[in-house]
Each structure stands twice: as structure tokens, then as C-alpha cells.
Amino acid sequence: MKSIFRVVLKFLLLLVGLFIIFFFWASSPTMDEAEYAKIITHEYTTTNNNDSIYSIVTYNIGYLSGMTNNRAVVKTKELFDSNLKKVLEKVKKVNPDIIALQEVDYNAARSYEVNQEEKLAELGYNFVARGVNWDEHYVPFPYWPPSMHFGKIVSGQSILSKYELKDYQRIVLERVADNPFYRDALYLDRLAQVVKVILEGKEVVVINLHLEAFDKTTRVRQFEYVLNLFNKYKKKYPTILLGDFNSKARDIKSVIRKMFEMENVGNAAFEISNPANTFDTKDLFERIDYIFYTENSIEYVNGKVLNEFGQASDHLPIEMKFKLK
């Protein structure tokens, strides 16, 4: 009996040891953390013929997984290739001066080792601010199929610009406080990217964010931090705050309502009585992506939700055209 007990105990200890080894491997980074925040410059052919009217786009590309994002289905290479081709064609046609991306993959296994940021930059965006927010060997989500959990995930947010970028900051926002340790170790960072774009010799601050999706308390706290950040910059600079807020325009208790009520802050492509929806692209039902701007220093020309991007992502992009005052 004692010998059986010892065998069982050794087996259990082996399992625990293997789990600990696996956990540390799964949650360990694949790259140097110094690479998580950097400005990248290219020398692609570009054109800046806009007659002092600039265009900026925010787009959660959902790593180009379309409506399979967060869904427990196999994602084929053909799906990613098709969505990348479509997005490149549409971006080339819209031809924005600045693009703020969320959920962009950098040579990640789940999107078949394609640097999605670089593919878009090749359209003529020679200045890129990259912010990595997910760097893991293993991500157990979505929960099925398990074969999709393995392979490096390097993903984040990127600001692509035809104009010089400077003074870049990658700010990690508050994490979900009650996440169990094993989930927290494999969970992404929520970021606010802050960078200055040089337009007409002026410094224009762009803040690109992606707030918490699943925990409202954390999302509210993250928003309050970003709002203070926005208020600080808008006192001195033309400032644009944009991205995926994960906060519903039609929910009268949502934190985004604070932005709607602010004086001298515009909201591109938005009507409070009937907000143009950006999510989800299979059955559009809500607005959670926004572009806000300082009205005292930025003149709004026009804006729209870019429905022509279809289901390349589960979000639609928003475009704003503007002048500097």
C-alpha cells in the first residue's frame, strides 16, 4: 500500500513540476522588453499632397481575423491573406495621412507570421510608433481548438504616419485587479500610445488607446487616467484622442458619455441621436470606436465610418479630415 502511495505521490509531483515548467515557458516573453516601445522609420515612396487638409483613421483590425476574432474556430491562412489584401486596397484608396491601429500582429503565429504593421507601412508610411502589448508563447483563448493556443503571440498598437513622429510614450494602463494569477500572466496589457506628429511645423498630439473589454470597473479607471492625459495635452497642443474605447455610445451609463459632454471637444463622424455603428461588422449594432479632437485648435472638415472595409475585422474604421487652426 505504501509503495502505491509513493508512486501516486511521485506522479502528482511530476505533474505539478511539469505544470510549473509549462506555465513559466508559456508566460515568458519572446522578445526583449526594450522592443515594446519604439519609433520605426522607413524609406518608402510616399505622397503628401493634401492642401493642408489632413486625414486620420482609427481601426481595430482584429489581427485581420475578421469575424473569427474571439471565436472558437480554426483560422486559415487564406482568411488572413484575403483580409490583408482587402485592407491594403481600401487603405490605399482612402489614403489617410495617419493611421492608428489596435490589435495588429507583428509576425505572430496565429496570423501566419506576417508583420501586418509593416505591410501597411509599405503603402507610404515612413514613421511608425509601435507599442507591443502581448508577447507570449502560449495564449489559451479562444478556448477551442487547443492547437491554436501554441505559437508566439506578438501583438499591439501602432500609429503609422506620413509625417514625422516624436516624443513617443507607451503607457501601460491599469490591469484587471481580480484576475487570477494564471490569467493575468497570459493577459495582454492595455495601452495608451502618445506621440507628437509634426504638421505645418506644429506639434499635434495623437493618443491611441484600446481600453479593457471585459471588466467595466477596470475600463472606467483606465478611461479616467486617459481623460486626465487628454486634458493635460489639450491645454498646450492640438490633440486627437482615438481608438477602441470598448464603451457603448447608446448606454446612458457608459463612461464614454463624459467625452460627449465635454466643451470644445469634437467627436468625428458621430451623431448622438443616431451614432454610426462600428461593431460588429457581421451585424452592426454598436459604436465603441471614436475620434475626439480639440475644437479650439483643430477645424473639423468631415468624417465617416468606412463601411467599405467590411468584415476584414470585427470593427469598422473611422476617418476624420481636419485642418489646423
C-alpha atoms as a PDB file:
ATOM      1  CA  MET A   1       0.000   0.000   0.000  1.00  0.00           C
ATOM      2  CA  LYS A   2       2.831   2.376   0.893  1.00  0.00           C
ATOM      3  CA  SER A   3       4.568   1.664  -2.393  1.00  0.00           C
ATOM      4  CA  ILE A   4       1.390   2.533  -4.320  1.00  0.00           C
ATOM      5  CA  PHE A   5       1.085   5.764  -2.336  1.00  0.00           C
ATOM      6  CA  ARG A   6       4.690   6.690  -3.141  1.00  0.00           C
ATOM      7  CA  VAL A   7       4.132   6.030  -6.849  1.00  0.00           C
ATOM      8  CA  VAL A   8       0.986   8.190  -6.872  1.00  0.00           C
ATOM      9  CA  LEU A   9       2.776  10.938  -4.929  1.00  0.00           C
ATOM     10  CA  LYS A  10       5.713  10.924  -7.331  1.00  0.00           C
ATOM     11  CA  PHE A  11       3.323  11.055 -10.275  1.00  0.00           C
ATOM     12  CA  LEU A  12       1.472  14.040  -8.778  1.00  0.00           C
ATOM     13  CA  LEU A  13       4.736  15.833  -8.023  1.00  0.00           C
ATOM     14  CA  LEU A  14       5.835  15.200 -11.603  1.00  0.00           C
ATOM     15  CA  LEU A  15       2.593  16.693 -12.923  1.00  0.00           C
ATOM     16  CA  VAL A  16       2.986  19.751 -10.693  1.00  0.00           C
ATOM     17  CA  GLY A  17       6.585  20.166 -11.817  1.00  0.00           C
ATOM     18  CA  LEU A  18       5.626  19.878 -15.475  1.00  0.00           C
ATOM     19  CA  PHE A  19       2.819  22.396 -14.984  1.00  0.00           C
ATOM     20  CA  ILE A  20       5.188  24.894 -13.353  1.00  0.00           C
ATOM     21  CA  ILE A  21       7.723  24.499 -16.163  1.00  0.00           C
ATOM     22  CA  PHE A  22       4.971  24.863 -18.776  1.00  0.00           C
ATOM     23  CA  PHE A  23       3.493  27.928 -17.047  1.00  0.00           C
ATOM     24  CA  PHE A  24       6.801  29.751 -16.916  1.00  0.00           C
ATOM     25  CA  TRP A  25       7.503  28.879 -20.552  1.00  0.00           C
ATOM     26  CA  ALA A  26       4.014  29.923 -21.674  1.00  0.00           C
ATOM     27  CA  SER A  27       4.120  33.293 -19.897  1.00  0.00           C
ATOM     28  CA  SER A  28       7.725  34.169 -20.725  1.00  0.00           C
ATOM     29  CA  PRO A  29       8.350  36.860 -23.375  1.00  0.00           C
ATOM     30  CA  THR A  30       9.631  36.058 -26.855  1.00  0.00           C
ATOM     31  CA  MET A  31      11.471  39.353 -27.287  1.00  0.00           C
ATOM     32  CA  ASP A  32      13.401  41.980 -25.355  1.00  0.00           C
ATOM     33  CA  GLU A  33      11.056  44.330 -23.486  1.00  0.00           C
ATOM     34  CA  ALA A  34      13.113  47.259 -24.806  1.00  0.00           C
ATOM     35  CA  GLU A  35      11.482  46.496 -28.172  1.00  0.00           C
ATOM     36  CA  TYR A  36       7.957  47.012 -26.840  1.00  0.00           C
ATOM     37  CA  ALA A  37       8.025  50.781 -27.479  1.00  0.00           C
ATOM     38  CA  LYS A  38       9.877  52.309 -30.392  1.00  0.00           C
ATOM     39  CA  ILE A  39       9.644  54.626 -33.362  1.00  0.00           C
ATOM     40  CA  ILE A  40      10.487  52.931 -36.648  1.00  0.00           C
ATOM     41  CA  THR A  41      11.421  54.831 -39.800  1.00  0.00           C
ATOM     42  CA  HIS A  42      11.204  53.615 -43.374  1.00  0.00           C
ATOM     43  CA  GLU A  43      12.081  54.998 -46.789  1.00  0.00           C
ATOM     44  CA  TYR A  44       9.040  54.026 -48.814  1.00  0.00           C
ATOM     45  CA  THR A  45       7.727  56.138 -51.655  1.00  0.00           C
ATOM     46  CA  THR A  46       5.078  58.477 -50.298  1.00  0.00           C
ATOM     47  CA  THR A  47       2.984  61.491 -51.352  1.00  0.00           C
ATOM     48  CA  ASN A  48       1.762  64.374 -49.177  1.00  0.00           C
ATOM     49  CA  ASN A  49      -0.492  66.332 -51.499  1.00  0.00           C
ATOM     50  CA  ASN A  50      -3.365  67.311 -49.195  1.00  0.00           C
ATOM     51  CA  ASP A  51      -3.656  71.112 -49.491  1.00  0.00           C
ATOM     52  CA  SER A  52      -3.440  71.477 -45.680  1.00  0.00           C
ATOM     53  CA  ILE A  53      -6.374  69.086 -45.161  1.00  0.00           C
ATOM     54  CA  TYR A  54      -5.220  66.045 -43.235  1.00  0.00           C
ATOM     55  CA  SER A  55      -6.829  62.672 -42.739  1.00  0.00           C
ATOM     56  CA  ILE A  56      -6.568  60.387 -39.725  1.00  0.00           C
ATOM     57  CA  VAL A  57      -8.077  56.908 -39.301  1.00  0.00           C
ATOM     58  CA  THR A  58      -8.597  54.697 -36.263  1.00  0.00           C
ATOM     59  CA  TYR A  59      -9.020  50.989 -36.929  1.00  0.00           C
ATOM     60  CA  ASN A  60      -9.100  47.939 -34.679  1.00  0.00           C
ATOM     61  CA  ILE A  61      -8.029  45.416 -37.299  1.00  0.00           C
ATOM     62  CA  GLY A  62      -8.596  42.408 -35.006  1.00  0.00           C
ATOM     63  CA  TYR A  63      -5.300  40.979 -36.343  1.00  0.00           C
ATOM     64  CA  LEU A  64      -7.177  40.615 -39.651  1.00  0.00           C
ATOM     65  CA  SER A  65      -9.105  37.599 -38.400  1.00  0.00           C
ATOM     66  CA  GLY A  66     -12.436  39.064 -39.486  1.00  0.00           C
ATOM     67  CA  MET A  67     -15.484  37.714 -37.710  1.00  0.00           C
ATOM     68  CA  THR A  68     -13.463  34.776 -36.350  1.00  0.00           C
ATOM     69  CA  ASN A  69     -11.865  37.119 -33.783  1.00  0.00           C
ATOM     70  CA  ASN A  70     -12.501  35.753 -30.265  1.00  0.00           C
ATOM     71  CA  ARG A  71     -14.409  32.853 -31.754  1.00  0.00           C
ATOM     72  CA  ALA A  72     -13.520  29.189 -31.269  1.00  0.00           C
ATOM     73  CA  VAL A  73     -12.923  28.295 -34.906  1.00  0.00           C
ATOM     74  CA  VAL A  74      -9.894  27.366 -36.985  1.00  0.00           C
ATOM     75  CA  LYS A  75      -8.459  30.396 -38.746  1.00  0.00           C
ATOM     76  CA  THR A  76      -6.978  29.595 -42.150  1.00  0.00           C
ATOM     77  CA  LYS A  77      -4.112  31.334 -43.909  1.00  0.00           C
ATOM     78  CA  GLU A  78      -6.449  32.043 -46.809  1.00  0.00           C
ATOM     79  CA  LEU A  79      -8.667  34.073 -44.461  1.00  0.00           C
ATOM     80  CA  PHE A  80      -5.756  36.269 -43.353  1.00  0.00           C
ATOM     81  CA  ASP A  81      -4.388  36.660 -46.883  1.00  0.00           C
ATOM     82  CA  SER A  82      -7.790  37.715 -48.182  1.00  0.00           C
ATOM     83  CA  ASN A  83      -8.395  40.206 -45.376  1.00  0.00           C
ATOM     84  CA  LEU A  84      -4.900  41.697 -45.692  1.00  0.00           C
ATOM     85  CA  LYS A  85      -5.362  42.166 -49.426  1.00  0.00           C
ATOM     86  CA  LYS A  86      -8.704  43.879 -48.888  1.00  0.00           C
ATOM     87  CA  VAL A  87      -7.412  46.198 -46.160  1.00  0.00           C
ATOM     88  CA  LEU A  88      -4.375  47.195 -48.216  1.00  0.00           C
ATOM     89  CA  GLU A  89      -6.603  48.005 -51.197  1.00  0.00           C
ATOM     90  CA  LYS A  90      -9.008  50.077 -49.096  1.00  0.00           C
ATOM     91  CA  VAL A  91      -6.298  51.952 -47.188  1.00  0.00           C
ATOM     92  CA  LYS A  92      -4.552  52.785 -50.451  1.00  0.00           C
ATOM     93  CA  LYS A  93      -7.821  54.203 -51.791  1.00  0.00           C
ATOM     94  CA  VAL A  94      -8.676  56.215 -48.649  1.00  0.00           C
ATOM     95  CA  ASN A  95      -5.022  57.296 -48.375  1.00  0.00           C
ATOM     96  CA  PRO A  96      -5.049  58.728 -44.824  1.00  0.00           C
ATOM     97  CA  ASP A  97      -2.055  60.671 -43.547  1.00  0.00           C
ATOM     98  CA  ILE A  98      -2.131  58.959 -40.142  1.00  0.00           C
ATOM     99  CA  ILE A  99      -3.493  55.550 -39.136  1.00  0.00           C
ATOM    100  CA  ALA A 100      -3.975  54.460 -35.515  1.00  0.00           C
ATOM    101  CA  LEU A 101      -4.253  50.677 -35.294  1.00  0.00           C
ATOM    102  CA  GLN A 102      -5.321  48.383 -32.497  1.00  0.00           C
ATOM    103  CA  GLU A 103      -4.898  44.573 -32.380  1.00  0.00           C
ATOM    104  CA  VAL A 104      -2.163  44.477 -35.005  1.00  0.00           C
ATOM    105  CA  ASP A 105       0.103  41.414 -35.175  1.00  0.00           C
ATOM    106  CA  TYR A 106       3.875  41.513 -35.634  1.00  0.00           C
ATOM    107  CA  ASN A 107       4.941  38.146 -37.089  1.00  0.00           C
ATOM    108  CA  ALA A 108       2.601  36.254 -34.763  1.00  0.00           C
ATOM    109  CA  ALA A 109       1.964  32.551 -35.229  1.00  0.00           C
ATOM    110  CA  ARG A 110      -1.820  32.979 -35.095  1.00  0.00           C
ATOM    111  CA  SER A 111      -1.742  35.202 -38.207  1.00  0.00           C
ATOM    112  CA  TYR A 112       0.836  33.094 -40.024  1.00  0.00           C
ATOM    113  CA  GLU A 113       3.997  35.092 -39.276  1.00  0.00           C
ATOM    114  CA  VAL A 114       3.011  38.235 -41.188  1.00  0.00           C
ATOM    115  CA  ASN A 115       4.062  41.649 -39.886  1.00  0.00           C
ATOM    116  CA  GLN A 116       0.742  43.394 -40.502  1.00  0.00           C
ATOM    117  CA  GLU A 117       2.086  46.789 -39.435  1.00  0.00           C
ATOM    118  CA  GLU A 118       4.907  46.601 -41.966  1.00  0.00           C
ATOM    119  CA  LYS A 119       2.586  45.575 -44.800  1.00  0.00           C
ATOM    120  CA  LEU A 120       0.503  48.702 -44.182  1.00  0.00           C
ATOM    121  CA  ALA A 121       3.579  50.899 -43.770  1.00  0.00           C
ATOM    122  CA  GLU A 122       4.711  49.848 -47.238  1.00  0.00           C
ATOM    123  CA  LEU A 123       1.843  51.965 -48.618  1.00  0.00           C
ATOM    124  CA  GLY A 124       3.940  55.041 -47.812  1.00  0.00           C
ATOM    125  CA  TYR A 125       4.003  55.436 -44.034  1.00  0.00           C
ATOM    126  CA  ASN A 126       7.623  56.156 -43.176  1.00  0.00           C
ATOM    127  CA  PHE A 127       7.098  56.931 -39.498  1.00  0.00           C
ATOM    128  CA  VAL A 128       5.710  54.255 -37.178  1.00  0.00           C
ATOM    129  CA  ALA A 129       5.203  54.243 -33.403  1.00  0.00           C
ATOM    130  CA  ARG A 130       4.883  50.655 -32.232  1.00  0.00           C
ATOM    131  CA  GLY A 131       3.502  49.554 -28.871  1.00  0.00           C
ATOM    132  CA  VAL A 132       3.617  45.817 -28.142  1.00  0.00           C
ATOM    133  CA  ASN A 133       1.008  44.769 -25.582  1.00  0.00           C
ATOM    134  CA  TRP A 134       1.010  40.990 -25.929  1.00  0.00           C
ATOM    135  CA  ASP A 135       4.153  38.877 -26.036  1.00  0.00           C
ATOM    136  CA  GLU A 136       3.613  35.213 -25.124  1.00  0.00           C
ATOM    137  CA  HIS A 137       4.495  31.704 -26.236  1.00  0.00           C
ATOM    138  CA  TYR A 138       1.018  30.409 -25.459  1.00  0.00           C
ATOM    139  CA  VAL A 139      -2.429  32.008 -25.231  1.00  0.00           C
ATOM    140  CA  PRO A 140      -5.367  29.745 -24.179  1.00  0.00           C
ATOM    141  CA  PHE A 141      -8.013  31.866 -25.869  1.00  0.00           C
ATOM    142  CA  PRO A 142     -10.318  31.263 -27.594  1.00  0.00           C
ATOM    143  CA  TYR A 143     -10.653  28.009 -25.732  1.00  0.00           C
ATOM    144  CA  TRP A 144     -11.021  25.825 -28.815  1.00  0.00           C
ATOM    145  CA  PRO A 145      -9.259  24.372 -30.703  1.00  0.00           C
ATOM    146  CA  PRO A 146      -6.277  23.850 -28.332  1.00  0.00           C
ATOM    147  CA  SER A 147      -3.894  23.613 -31.296  1.00  0.00           C
ATOM    148  CA  MET A 148      -4.388  27.376 -31.811  1.00  0.00           C
ATOM    149  CA  HIS A 149      -3.019  28.150 -28.340  1.00  0.00           C
ATOM    150  CA  PHE A 150       0.584  27.353 -29.200  1.00  0.00           C
ATOM    151  CA  GLY A 151       2.988  29.625 -31.037  1.00  0.00           C
ATOM    152  CA  LYS A 152       4.237  33.096 -30.244  1.00  0.00           C
ATOM    153  CA  ILE A 153       1.755  35.941 -29.986  1.00  0.00           C
ATOM    154  CA  VAL A 154       3.342  39.343 -30.542  1.00  0.00           C
ATOM    155  CA  SER A 155       0.642  41.942 -30.974  1.00  0.00           C
ATOM    156  CA  GLY A 156      -0.174  45.531 -30.075  1.00  0.00           C
ATOM    157  CA  GLN A 157      -0.998  49.013 -31.285  1.00  0.00           C
ATOM    158  CA  SER A 158       0.703  51.059 -33.992  1.00  0.00           C
ATOM    159  CA  ILE A 159       0.487  54.629 -35.210  1.00  0.00           C
ATOM    160  CA  LEU A 160       1.530  54.962 -38.855  1.00  0.00           C
ATOM    161  CA  SER A 161       2.224  58.409 -40.280  1.00  0.00           C
ATOM    162  CA  LYS A 162       3.423  60.110 -43.442  1.00  0.00           C
ATOM    163  CA  TYR A 163       4.749  62.873 -41.210  1.00  0.00           C
ATOM    164  CA  GLU A 164       7.476  62.888 -38.602  1.00  0.00           C
ATOM    165  CA  LEU A 165       6.720  61.423 -35.187  1.00  0.00           C
ATOM    166  CA  LYS A 166       8.485  62.438 -31.977  1.00  0.00           C
ATOM    167  CA  ASP A 167       8.326  62.179 -28.169  1.00  0.00           C
ATOM    168  CA  TYR A 168       6.659  58.776 -28.201  1.00  0.00           C
ATOM    169  CA  GLN A 169       5.350  57.176 -25.000  1.00  0.00           C
ATOM    170  CA  ARG A 170       3.897  53.700 -24.491  1.00  0.00           C
ATOM    171  CA  ILE A 171       1.748  53.861 -21.351  1.00  0.00           C
ATOM    172  CA  VAL A 172       0.530  50.633 -19.757  1.00  0.00           C
ATOM    173  CA  LEU A 173      -2.907  51.153 -18.235  1.00  0.00           C
ATOM    174  CA  GLU A 174      -4.271  49.597 -15.051  1.00  0.00           C
ATOM    175  CA  ARG A 175      -4.772  45.835 -15.163  1.00  0.00           C
ATOM    176  CA  VAL A 176      -7.850  43.881 -14.043  1.00  0.00           C
ATOM    177  CA  ALA A 177      -7.352  43.675 -10.295  1.00  0.00           C
ATOM    178  CA  ASP A 178      -9.174  40.409  -9.603  1.00  0.00           C
ATOM    179  CA  ASN A 179      -7.786  38.354 -12.471  1.00  0.00           C
ATOM    180  CA  PRO A 180      -6.368  35.068 -11.104  1.00  0.00           C
ATOM    181  CA  PHE A 181      -2.572  34.936 -11.419  1.00  0.00           C
ATOM    182  CA  TYR A 182      -2.587  32.397 -14.239  1.00  0.00           C
ATOM    183  CA  ARG A 183      -4.951  34.528 -16.346  1.00  0.00           C
ATOM    184  CA  ASP A 184      -3.148  37.741 -15.522  1.00  0.00           C
ATOM    185  CA  ALA A 185       0.203  36.291 -16.565  1.00  0.00           C
ATOM    186  CA  LEU A 186      -1.176  35.443 -20.020  1.00  0.00           C
ATOM    187  CA  TYR A 187      -3.349  38.561 -20.433  1.00  0.00           C
ATOM    188  CA  LEU A 188      -2.495  41.488 -22.658  1.00  0.00           C
ATOM    189  CA  ASP A 189      -1.515  44.965 -21.481  1.00  0.00           C
ATOM    190  CA  ARG A 190      -3.993  47.722 -22.261  1.00  0.00           C
ATOM    191  CA  LEU A 191      -2.138  50.691 -23.720  1.00  0.00           C
ATOM    192  CA  ALA A 192      -2.329  54.377 -24.420  1.00  0.00           C
ATOM    193  CA  GLN A 193       0.152  55.438 -27.067  1.00  0.00           C
ATOM    194  CA  VAL A 194       1.064  59.132 -27.001  1.00  0.00           C
ATOM    195  CA  VAL A 195       3.061  60.684 -29.811  1.00  0.00           C
ATOM    196  CA  LYS A 196       3.529  64.075 -31.455  1.00  0.00           C
ATOM    197  CA  VAL A 197       3.003  64.401 -35.207  1.00  0.00           C
ATOM    198  CA  ILE A 198       4.705  67.340 -36.914  1.00  0.00           C
ATOM    199  CA  LEU A 199       2.204  69.093 -39.210  1.00  0.00           C
ATOM    200  CA  GLU A 200       2.994  72.515 -40.690  1.00  0.00           C
ATOM    201  CA  GLY A 201       5.760  72.888 -38.150  1.00  0.00           C
ATOM    202  CA  LYS A 202       3.298  72.359 -35.278  1.00  0.00           C
ATOM    203  CA  GLU A 203       3.260  69.505 -32.791  1.00  0.00           C
ATOM    204  CA  VAL A 204      -0.074  67.661 -32.837  1.00  0.00           C
ATOM    205  CA  VAL A 205      -0.571  65.124 -30.045  1.00  0.00           C
ATOM    206  CA  VAL A 206      -2.190  61.815 -31.007  1.00  0.00           C
ATOM    207  CA  ILE A 207      -3.332  59.423 -28.254  1.00  0.00           C
ATOM    208  CA  ASN A 208      -4.190  55.933 -29.478  1.00  0.00           C
ATOM    209  CA  LEU A 209      -5.832  53.603 -26.974  1.00  0.00           C
ATOM    210  CA  HIS A 210      -7.523  50.258 -26.524  1.00  0.00           C
ATOM    211  CA  LEU A 211      -9.436  50.033 -23.251  1.00  0.00           C
ATOM    212  CA  GLU A 212     -10.377  46.932 -21.275  1.00  0.00           C
ATOM    213  CA  ALA A 213     -13.139  44.928 -22.949  1.00  0.00           C
ATOM    214  CA  PHE A 214     -14.379  42.525 -20.273  1.00  0.00           C
ATOM    215  CA  ASP A 215     -14.183  44.271 -16.897  1.00  0.00           C
ATOM    216  CA  LYS A 216     -16.170  47.511 -16.611  1.00  0.00           C
ATOM    217  CA  THR A 217     -14.596  48.689 -13.350  1.00  0.00           C
ATOM    218  CA  THR A 218     -11.120  48.478 -14.855  1.00  0.00           C
ATOM    219  CA  ARG A 219     -12.279  50.136 -18.070  1.00  0.00           C
ATOM    220  CA  VAL A 220     -13.672  53.099 -16.131  1.00  0.00           C
ATOM    221  CA  ARG A 221     -10.415  53.562 -14.230  1.00  0.00           C
ATOM    222  CA  GLN A 222      -8.389  53.311 -17.424  1.00  0.00           C
ATOM    223  CA  PHE A 223     -10.649  55.885 -19.052  1.00  0.00           C
ATOM    224  CA  GLU A 224     -10.263  58.321 -16.161  1.00  0.00           C
ATOM    225  CA  TYR A 225      -6.484  58.080 -16.471  1.00  0.00           C
ATOM    226  CA  VAL A 226      -6.605  58.691 -20.231  1.00  0.00           C
ATOM    227  CA  LEU A 227      -9.052  61.573 -19.784  1.00  0.00           C
ATOM    228  CA  ASN A 228      -6.604  63.289 -17.430  1.00  0.00           C
ATOM    229  CA  LEU A 229      -3.877  62.686 -20.011  1.00  0.00           C
ATOM    230  CA  PHE A 230      -6.025  64.219 -22.749  1.00  0.00           C
ATOM    231  CA  ASN A 231      -6.879  67.233 -20.589  1.00  0.00           C
ATOM    232  CA  LYS A 232      -3.190  67.799 -19.858  1.00  0.00           C
ATOM    233  CA  TYR A 233      -2.142  67.840 -23.505  1.00  0.00           C
ATOM    234  CA  LYS A 234      -5.094  69.776 -24.900  1.00  0.00           C
ATOM    235  CA  LYS A 235      -4.123  72.831 -22.843  1.00  0.00           C
ATOM    236  CA  LYS A 236      -0.984  73.236 -24.944  1.00  0.00           C
ATOM    237  CA  TYR A 237      -1.326  71.238 -28.172  1.00  0.00           C
ATOM    238  CA  PRO A 238      -3.860  70.372 -30.846  1.00  0.00           C
ATOM    239  CA  THR A 239      -4.837  66.946 -29.530  1.00  0.00           C
ATOM    240  CA  ILE A 240      -6.586  63.916 -31.010  1.00  0.00           C
ATOM    241  CA  LEU A 241      -7.786  61.060 -28.794  1.00  0.00           C
ATOM    242  CA  LEU A 242      -8.885  57.983 -30.697  1.00  0.00           C
ATOM    243  CA  GLY A 243      -9.138  54.222 -30.663  1.00  0.00           C
ATOM    244  CA  ASP A 244     -11.235  51.350 -29.358  1.00  0.00           C
ATOM    245  CA  PHE A 245     -12.829  52.517 -26.086  1.00  0.00           C
ATOM    246  CA  ASN A 246     -14.989  49.393 -25.625  1.00  0.00           C
ATOM    247  CA  SER A 247     -17.644  51.766 -24.281  1.00  0.00           C
ATOM    248  CA  LYS A 248     -21.086  51.832 -25.865  1.00  0.00           C
ATOM    249  CA  ALA A 249     -22.425  55.102 -27.241  1.00  0.00           C
ATOM    250  CA  ARG A 250     -26.056  54.155 -26.600  1.00  0.00           C
ATOM    251  CA  ASP A 251     -25.550  53.130 -22.980  1.00  0.00           C
ATOM    252  CA  ILE A 252     -26.503  56.183 -20.902  1.00  0.00           C
ATOM    253  CA  LYS A 253     -24.378  54.834 -18.026  1.00  0.00           C
ATOM    254  CA  SER A 254     -21.259  54.225 -20.119  1.00  0.00           C
ATOM    255  CA  VAL A 255     -18.099  56.117 -19.263  1.00  0.00           C
ATOM    256  CA  ILE A 256     -17.736  57.409 -22.832  1.00  0.00           C
ATOM    257  CA  ARG A 257     -20.651  59.755 -22.164  1.00  0.00           C
ATOM    258  CA  LYS A 258     -18.237  62.023 -20.319  1.00  0.00           C
ATOM    259  CA  MET A 259     -16.489  62.727 -23.604  1.00  0.00           C
ATOM    260  CA  PHE A 260     -19.767  63.634 -25.300  1.00  0.00           C
ATOM    261  CA  GLU A 261     -20.450  66.267 -22.648  1.00  0.00           C
ATOM    262  CA  MET A 262     -17.051  67.996 -22.731  1.00  0.00           C
ATOM    263  CA  GLU A 263     -16.917  71.558 -24.006  1.00  0.00           C
ATOM    264  CA  ASN A 264     -14.736  72.357 -27.016  1.00  0.00           C
ATOM    265  CA  VAL A 265     -14.170  68.662 -27.760  1.00  0.00           C
ATOM    266  CA  GLY A 266     -15.424  67.370 -31.088  1.00  0.00           C
ATOM    267  CA  ASN A 267     -16.461  63.816 -31.956  1.00  0.00           C
ATOM    268  CA  ALA A 268     -15.824  62.807 -35.565  1.00  0.00           C
ATOM    269  CA  ALA A 269     -18.444  61.026 -37.672  1.00  0.00           C
ATOM    270  CA  PHE A 270     -20.858  60.977 -34.773  1.00  0.00           C
ATOM    271  CA  GLU A 271     -24.454  61.984 -34.105  1.00  0.00           C
ATOM    272  CA  ILE A 272     -25.660  61.397 -30.564  1.00  0.00           C
ATOM    273  CA  SER A 273     -29.223  60.721 -31.718  1.00  0.00           C
ATOM    274  CA  ASN A 274     -28.118  58.007 -34.151  1.00  0.00           C
ATOM    275  CA  PRO A 275     -24.437  57.010 -33.807  1.00  0.00           C
ATOM    276  CA  ALA A 276     -22.921  55.315 -36.835  1.00  0.00           C
ATOM    277  CA  ASN A 277     -22.003  51.820 -35.678  1.00  0.00           C
ATOM    278  CA  THR A 278     -18.511  50.327 -35.807  1.00  0.00           C
ATOM    279  CA  PHE A 279     -19.045  46.915 -34.147  1.00  0.00           C
ATOM    280  CA  ASP A 280     -19.529  44.144 -35.054  1.00  0.00           C
ATOM    281  CA  THR A 281     -19.250  44.016 -38.795  1.00  0.00           C
ATOM    282  CA  LYS A 282     -21.402  40.927 -39.285  1.00  0.00           C
ATOM    283  CA  ASP A 283     -24.398  42.602 -37.671  1.00  0.00           C
ATOM    284  CA  LEU A 284     -23.546  46.203 -36.799  1.00  0.00           C
ATOM    285  CA  PHE A 285     -25.230  47.090 -33.534  1.00  0.00           C
ATOM    286  CA  GLU A 286     -22.984  49.436 -31.525  1.00  0.00           C
ATOM    287  CA  ARG A 287     -20.483  52.293 -31.577  1.00  0.00           C
ATOM    288  CA  ILE A 288     -17.374  51.684 -29.459  1.00  0.00           C
ATOM    289  CA  ASP A 289     -14.651  53.304 -31.610  1.00  0.00           C
ATOM    290  CA  TYR A 290     -14.178  57.090 -31.619  1.00  0.00           C
ATOM    291  CA  ILE A 291     -12.076  60.044 -32.737  1.00  0.00           C
ATOM    292  CA  PHE A 292     -12.167  63.072 -30.392  1.00  0.00           C
ATOM    293  CA  TYR A 293     -10.353  66.350 -31.086  1.00  0.00           C
ATOM    294  CA  THR A 294      -9.775  69.808 -29.617  1.00  0.00           C
ATOM    295  CA  GLU A 295     -12.100  72.256 -31.368  1.00  0.00           C
ATOM    296  CA  ASN A 296     -10.122  75.352 -30.417  1.00  0.00           C
ATOM    297  CA  SER A 297      -7.063  74.177 -32.380  1.00  0.00           C
ATOM    298  CA  ILE A 298      -8.429  71.695 -34.932  1.00  0.00           C
ATOM    299  CA  GLU A 299     -11.013  72.508 -37.609  1.00  0.00           C
ATOM    300  CA  TYR A 300     -13.234  69.543 -38.435  1.00  0.00           C
ATOM    301  CA  VAL A 301     -13.719  69.173 -42.199  1.00  0.00           C
ATOM    302  CA  ASN A 302     -15.664  65.900 -42.341  1.00  0.00           C
ATOM    303  CA  GLY A 303     -15.631  62.326 -41.172  1.00  0.00           C
ATOM    304  CA  LYS A 304     -17.241  58.961 -41.717  1.00  0.00           C
ATOM    305  CA  VAL A 305     -17.304  55.322 -40.728  1.00  0.00           C
ATOM    306  CA  LEU A 306     -15.591  53.392 -43.520  1.00  0.00           C
ATOM    307  CA  ASN A 307     -18.161  50.693 -44.207  1.00  0.00           C
ATOM    308  CA  GLU A 308     -16.330  49.578 -47.333  1.00  0.00           C
ATOM    309  CA  PHE A 309     -13.770  47.698 -45.196  1.00  0.00           C
ATOM    310  CA  GLY A 310     -16.461  45.112 -44.495  1.00  0.00           C
ATOM    311  CA  GLN A 311     -15.604  42.045 -42.435  1.00  0.00           C
ATOM    312  CA  ALA A 312     -11.810  42.187 -42.712  1.00  0.00           C
ATOM    313  CA  SER A 313     -12.095  42.876 -38.968  1.00  0.00           C
ATOM    314  CA  ASP A 314     -14.959  42.718 -36.486  1.00  0.00           C
ATOM    315  CA  HIS A 315     -14.623  46.528 -36.263  1.00  0.00           C
ATOM    316  CA  LEU A 316     -15.029  49.216 -38.894  1.00  0.00           C
ATOM    317  CA  PRO A 317     -12.524  52.071 -39.173  1.00  0.00           C
ATOM    318  CA  ILE A 318     -13.396  55.758 -38.728  1.00  0.00           C
ATOM    319  CA  GLU A 319     -11.860  58.567 -40.771  1.00  0.00           C
ATOM    320  CA  MET A 320     -11.607  62.241 -39.855  1.00  0.00           C
ATOM    321  CA  LYS A 321     -10.439  65.023 -42.168  1.00  0.00           C
ATOM    322  CA  PHE A 322      -9.242  68.178 -40.486  1.00  0.00           C
ATOM    323  CA  LYS A 323      -7.255  71.400 -40.708  1.00  0.00           C
ATOM    324  CA  LEU A 324      -5.107  73.084 -38.107  1.00  0.00           C
ATOM    325  CA  LYS A 325      -6.307  76.454 -36.868  1.00  0.00           C
END
